[in-house]
Amino acid sequence: MLENLPYSLKANLAILCKDKASRHAAETVQTFLDVEMPRFIQNANIPPSSLDLNPFDHCVWSLLKERVNKYGLIPSFNRLAKILKDEGEVISQQVIHDNINSWMSRVRKVERSRGFHTE
């Protein structure tokens, strides 16, 4: 798995911020992150409403939701998977990079809101 990570993650230049999902708090996950991602944000330091801090939750999911909603009721899982794949490919890398680059400003907003949703 680690050999597939981008260089910036291997060099410990990235900061991993995850949500408080119980699967992320599992001991095996925490141990892996302690060893392989020393700059990850531990569960104790994640605010109660952390959607603003996760670039995927903050940006990509909302864009995908907007794009997928135009299809109306989707009749099957396979069709949904294809639509998500196709629409995900339409979202530009620049939009994703811009969202990631705005992370520190969102951290400051979350600090000012004492950990609660900011938008």
Protein backbone atom coordinates (compact mmCIF):
# COMPACT_ATOMS: atom_id res chain seq x y z
CA MET A 1 0.00 0.00 0.00
CA LEU A 2 2.69 2.51 0.93
CA GLU A 3 4.45 2.17 -2.41
CA ASN A 4 1.34 3.68 -4.03
CA LEU A 5 1.44 6.86 -1.96
CA PRO A 6 2.58 10.07 -3.62
CA TYR A 7 6.09 11.29 -2.83
CA SER A 8 4.79 14.04 -0.54
CA LEU A 9 3.20 11.47 1.75
CA LYS A 10 6.29 9.27 1.79
CA ALA A 11 8.39 12.27 2.74
CA ASN A 12 6.03 13.08 5.62
CA LEU A 13 5.25 16.45 4.10
CA ALA A 14 1.49 15.89 4.16
CA ILE A 15 -0.89 16.17 7.09
CA LEU A 16 -3.63 13.55 7.28
CA CYS A 17 -6.93 14.76 8.66
CA LYS A 18 -9.66 12.17 8.90
CA ASP A 19 -13.14 12.29 10.35
CA LYS A 20 -14.21 10.67 13.61
CA ALA A 21 -15.68 7.55 12.02
CA SER A 22 -15.26 4.61 14.40
CA ARG A 23 -13.28 2.63 11.83
CA HIS A 24 -10.66 5.41 11.81
CA ALA A 25 -10.30 5.14 15.58
CA ALA A 26 -9.56 1.41 15.52
CA GLU A 27 -6.33 0.51 17.30
CA THR A 28 -4.84 -1.06 14.16
CA VAL A 29 -5.51 2.11 12.17
CA GLN A 30 -4.08 4.35 14.89
CA THR A 31 -0.95 2.18 15.16
CA PHE A 32 -0.45 2.22 11.39
CA LEU A 33 -0.82 6.00 11.30
CA ASP A 34 1.55 6.49 14.25
CA VAL A 35 4.24 4.59 12.35
CA GLU A 36 3.60 5.58 8.74
CA MET A 37 1.99 9.04 8.95
CA PRO A 38 3.54 10.84 11.91
CA ARG A 39 1.78 14.07 10.98
CA PHE A 40 -1.77 12.70 11.16
CA ILE A 41 -4.27 14.48 13.39
CA GLN A 42 -5.24 12.18 16.24
CA ASN A 43 -8.90 11.62 17.09
CA ALA A 44 -8.62 13.56 20.35
CA ASN A 45 -7.69 16.67 18.34
CA ILE A 46 -10.40 16.41 15.68
CA PRO A 47 -13.27 18.84 16.28
CA PRO A 48 -16.82 17.52 16.74
CA SER A 49 -17.87 18.76 13.31
CA SER A 50 -14.85 18.28 11.09
CA LEU A 51 -16.35 18.30 7.59
CA ASP A 52 -14.69 21.65 6.95
CA LEU A 53 -11.27 20.07 7.43
CA ASN A 54 -11.55 17.11 5.09
CA PRO A 55 -11.03 18.21 1.46
CA PHE A 56 -13.10 15.30 0.21
CA ASP A 57 -16.04 16.10 2.49
CA HIS A 58 -15.64 19.84 2.04
CA CYS A 59 -15.40 19.86 -1.74
CA VAL A 60 -15.53 16.64 -3.73
CA TRP A 61 -18.61 15.02 -2.18
CA SER A 62 -20.70 18.18 -2.60
CA LEU A 63 -19.62 18.51 -6.24
CA LEU A 64 -20.36 14.83 -6.89
CA LYS A 65 -23.72 15.06 -5.16
CA GLU A 66 -24.68 18.05 -7.30
CA ARG A 67 -23.60 16.28 -10.50
CA VAL A 68 -25.25 12.93 -9.60
CA ASN A 69 -28.56 14.56 -8.58
CA LYS A 70 -29.17 15.62 -12.18
CA TYR A 71 -29.75 11.91 -13.01
CA GLY A 72 -32.77 11.64 -10.74
CA LEU A 73 -33.57 8.22 -9.28
CA ILE A 74 -30.77 5.80 -10.16
CA PRO A 75 -32.13 2.26 -10.56
CA SER A 76 -29.13 0.16 -9.54
CA PHE A 77 -25.86 0.14 -7.65
CA ASN A 78 -23.92 -0.63 -10.84
CA ARG A 79 -25.45 2.38 -12.58
CA LEU A 80 -24.66 4.59 -9.57
CA ALA A 81 -21.07 3.34 -9.51
CA LYS A 82 -20.66 4.15 -13.21
CA ILE A 83 -22.18 7.61 -12.81
CA LEU A 84 -19.94 8.37 -9.80
CA LYS A 85 -16.87 7.25 -11.73
CA ASP A 86 -17.79 9.25 -14.83
CA GLU A 87 -18.75 12.39 -12.91
CA GLY A 88 -15.72 12.11 -10.63
CA GLU A 89 -13.47 12.22 -13.67
CA VAL A 90 -15.07 15.52 -14.71
CA ILE A 91 -14.00 17.28 -11.50
CA SER A 92 -10.74 18.99 -12.33
CA GLN A 93 -7.56 18.36 -10.39
CA GLN A 94 -7.21 22.14 -10.09
CA VAL A 95 -10.48 22.35 -8.11
CA ILE A 96 -9.22 19.61 -5.79
CA HIS A 97 -5.76 21.20 -5.40
CA ASP A 98 -7.32 24.61 -4.69
CA ASN A 99 -9.48 23.05 -1.99
CA ILE A 100 -6.50 21.29 -0.42
CA ASN A 101 -4.51 24.53 -0.54
CA SER A 102 -7.28 26.34 1.36
CA TRP A 103 -7.01 23.87 4.24
CA MET A 104 -5.13 26.13 6.66
CA SER A 105 -7.68 28.92 6.26
CA ARG A 106 -10.44 26.40 7.06
CA VAL A 107 -8.47 25.24 10.13
CA ARG A 108 -8.41 28.84 11.37
CA LYS A 109 -12.18 29.19 10.80
CA VAL A 110 -12.83 25.95 12.70
CA GLU A 111 -10.64 27.22 15.56
CA ARG A 112 -12.65 30.47 15.69
CA SER A 113 -15.91 28.49 15.71
CA ARG A 114 -14.54 26.30 18.54
CA GLY A 115 -14.69 23.16 16.43
CA PHE A 116 -18.13 23.55 14.95
CA HIS A 117 -19.22 23.76 11.32
CA THR A 118 -18.27 27.07 9.72
CA GLU A 119 -20.46 27.32 6.62
